[in-house]
Amino acid sequence: MTILQALSRTGEAPQGRLGEMLAMDSTSLTRTLAIMRREGWIAERKGKDRRERWLRMSAAGEAKLKRAEPVWKEVQTRLRGELGEQEWNRLLQLTQQVTSVAMVQGESQ
């Protein structure tokens, strides 16, 4: 879901940049993208260098995202209601902190 959302916003992005935006390691991203390619949700083109791959959402990916978004929003709304506004905001802050730490850790290795 997150990969499709990111590609929906960016239009097209090199795989490395997509990994940076999502704070995903290369192995996990490559594995997930292979599944998404097999399902037909993303399209790929080679860049100037044979290692570079540019990704974009396919028509099937757009349809999948369109079907999934209402369900995703409903689940978020329910969770937000159960947690309450203050805890929901704390959860978002904690998620951002964890992502920041993971990105810094990844850069130092």
Protein backbone atom coordinates (compact mmCIF):
# COMPACT_ATOMS: atom_id res chain seq x y z
CA MET A 1 0.00 0.00 0.00
CA THR A 2 2.72 2.46 0.99
CA ILE A 3 4.75 1.80 -2.16
CA LEU A 4 1.70 2.37 -4.35
CA GLN A 5 0.90 5.57 -2.45
CA ALA A 6 4.46 6.83 -2.88
CA LEU A 7 4.45 6.08 -6.61
CA SER A 8 1.05 7.72 -6.93
CA ARG A 9 2.50 10.92 -5.47
CA THR A 10 5.85 10.90 -7.29
CA GLY A 11 4.69 9.53 -10.64
CA GLU A 12 7.99 7.82 -11.35
CA ALA A 13 11.07 7.33 -9.20
CA PRO A 14 14.33 5.41 -9.32
CA GLN A 15 14.30 2.40 -7.02
CA GLY A 16 17.03 3.84 -4.78
CA ARG A 17 15.12 7.08 -4.25
CA LEU A 18 11.92 5.15 -3.52
CA GLY A 19 13.78 3.17 -0.85
CA GLU A 20 15.05 6.40 0.70
CA MET A 21 11.57 7.97 0.72
CA LEU A 22 10.11 4.90 2.44
CA ALA A 23 13.13 4.23 4.69
CA MET A 24 13.28 0.67 3.32
CA ASP A 25 16.42 -1.37 2.94
CA SER A 26 17.32 -2.45 -0.58
CA THR A 27 16.73 -6.18 -0.04
CA SER A 28 13.21 -5.75 1.38
CA LEU A 29 12.28 -3.24 -1.30
CA THR A 30 13.61 -5.43 -4.12
CA ARG A 31 11.72 -8.46 -2.81
CA THR A 32 8.47 -6.50 -2.46
CA LEU A 33 8.84 -4.88 -5.88
CA ALA A 34 9.32 -8.31 -7.49
CA ILE A 35 5.94 -9.39 -6.10
CA MET A 36 4.31 -6.15 -7.21
CA ARG A 37 5.79 -6.51 -10.70
CA ARG A 38 4.52 -10.10 -10.90
CA GLU A 39 1.04 -8.90 -9.89
CA GLY A 40 1.25 -6.20 -12.56
CA TRP A 41 0.90 -3.29 -10.13
CA ILE A 42 4.11 -1.50 -11.11
CA ALA A 43 5.99 -0.92 -14.33
CA GLU A 44 9.72 -0.49 -14.68
CA ARG A 45 12.11 1.04 -17.15
CA LYS A 46 15.88 0.99 -17.21
CA GLY A 47 17.79 4.19 -16.58
CA LYS A 48 20.94 5.49 -18.25
CA ASP A 49 23.00 3.00 -16.30
CA ARG A 50 21.95 -0.66 -16.42
CA ARG A 51 21.76 -0.79 -12.61
CA GLU A 52 19.27 2.06 -12.45
CA ARG A 53 15.57 1.15 -12.56
CA TRP A 54 12.78 3.68 -12.69
CA LEU A 55 9.43 2.61 -11.27
CA ARG A 56 5.90 3.84 -11.78
CA MET A 57 2.47 2.57 -10.96
CA SER A 58 0.73 0.65 -13.73
CA ALA A 59 -2.98 0.90 -14.55
CA ALA A 60 -3.52 -2.28 -12.50
CA GLY A 61 -1.66 -0.66 -9.59
CA GLU A 62 -3.83 2.43 -9.84
CA ALA A 63 -6.95 0.25 -9.75
CA LYS A 64 -5.60 -1.70 -6.77
CA LEU A 65 -4.82 1.51 -4.87
CA LYS A 66 -8.24 2.95 -5.69
CA ARG A 67 -9.92 -0.18 -4.26
CA ALA A 68 -7.67 -0.29 -1.17
CA GLU A 69 -7.75 3.38 -0.12
CA PRO A 70 -11.34 3.44 1.24
CA VAL A 71 -10.62 0.36 3.36
CA TRP A 72 -7.32 1.86 4.55
CA LYS A 73 -9.05 5.11 5.52
CA GLU A 74 -11.80 3.24 7.35
CA VAL A 75 -9.27 1.25 9.38
CA GLN A 76 -7.33 4.41 10.23
CA THR A 77 -10.52 6.19 11.28
CA ARG A 78 -11.52 3.27 13.52
CA LEU A 79 -8.06 3.07 15.09
CA ARG A 80 -7.96 6.82 15.62
CA GLY A 81 -11.36 6.65 17.31
CA GLU A 82 -10.32 3.79 19.58
CA LEU A 83 -7.00 5.41 20.53
CA GLY A 84 -8.30 8.93 20.89
CA GLU A 85 -6.77 12.03 19.34
CA GLN A 86 -3.91 12.40 21.82
CA GLU A 87 -2.73 8.78 21.53
CA TRP A 88 -3.16 8.86 17.75
CA ASN A 89 -0.86 11.89 17.56
CA ARG A 90 1.65 10.20 19.87
CA LEU A 91 1.59 7.14 17.60
CA LEU A 92 2.33 9.31 14.55
CA GLN A 93 5.18 11.06 16.39
CA LEU A 94 6.66 7.75 17.51
CA THR A 95 6.45 6.39 13.97
CA GLN A 96 8.30 9.44 12.67
CA GLN A 97 10.98 9.05 15.35
CA VAL A 98 11.49 5.37 14.58
CA THR A 99 11.76 6.15 10.86
CA SER A 100 14.32 8.89 11.53
CA VAL A 101 16.43 6.59 13.72
CA ALA A 102 16.24 3.81 11.12
CA MET A 103 17.36 6.19 8.37
CA VAL A 104 20.32 7.44 10.41
CA GLN A 105 21.28 3.86 11.33
CA GLY A 106 21.10 2.85 7.69
CA GLU A 107 23.30 5.75 6.58
CA SER A 108 25.98 4.90 9.15
CA GLN A 109 26.38 1.33 7.92
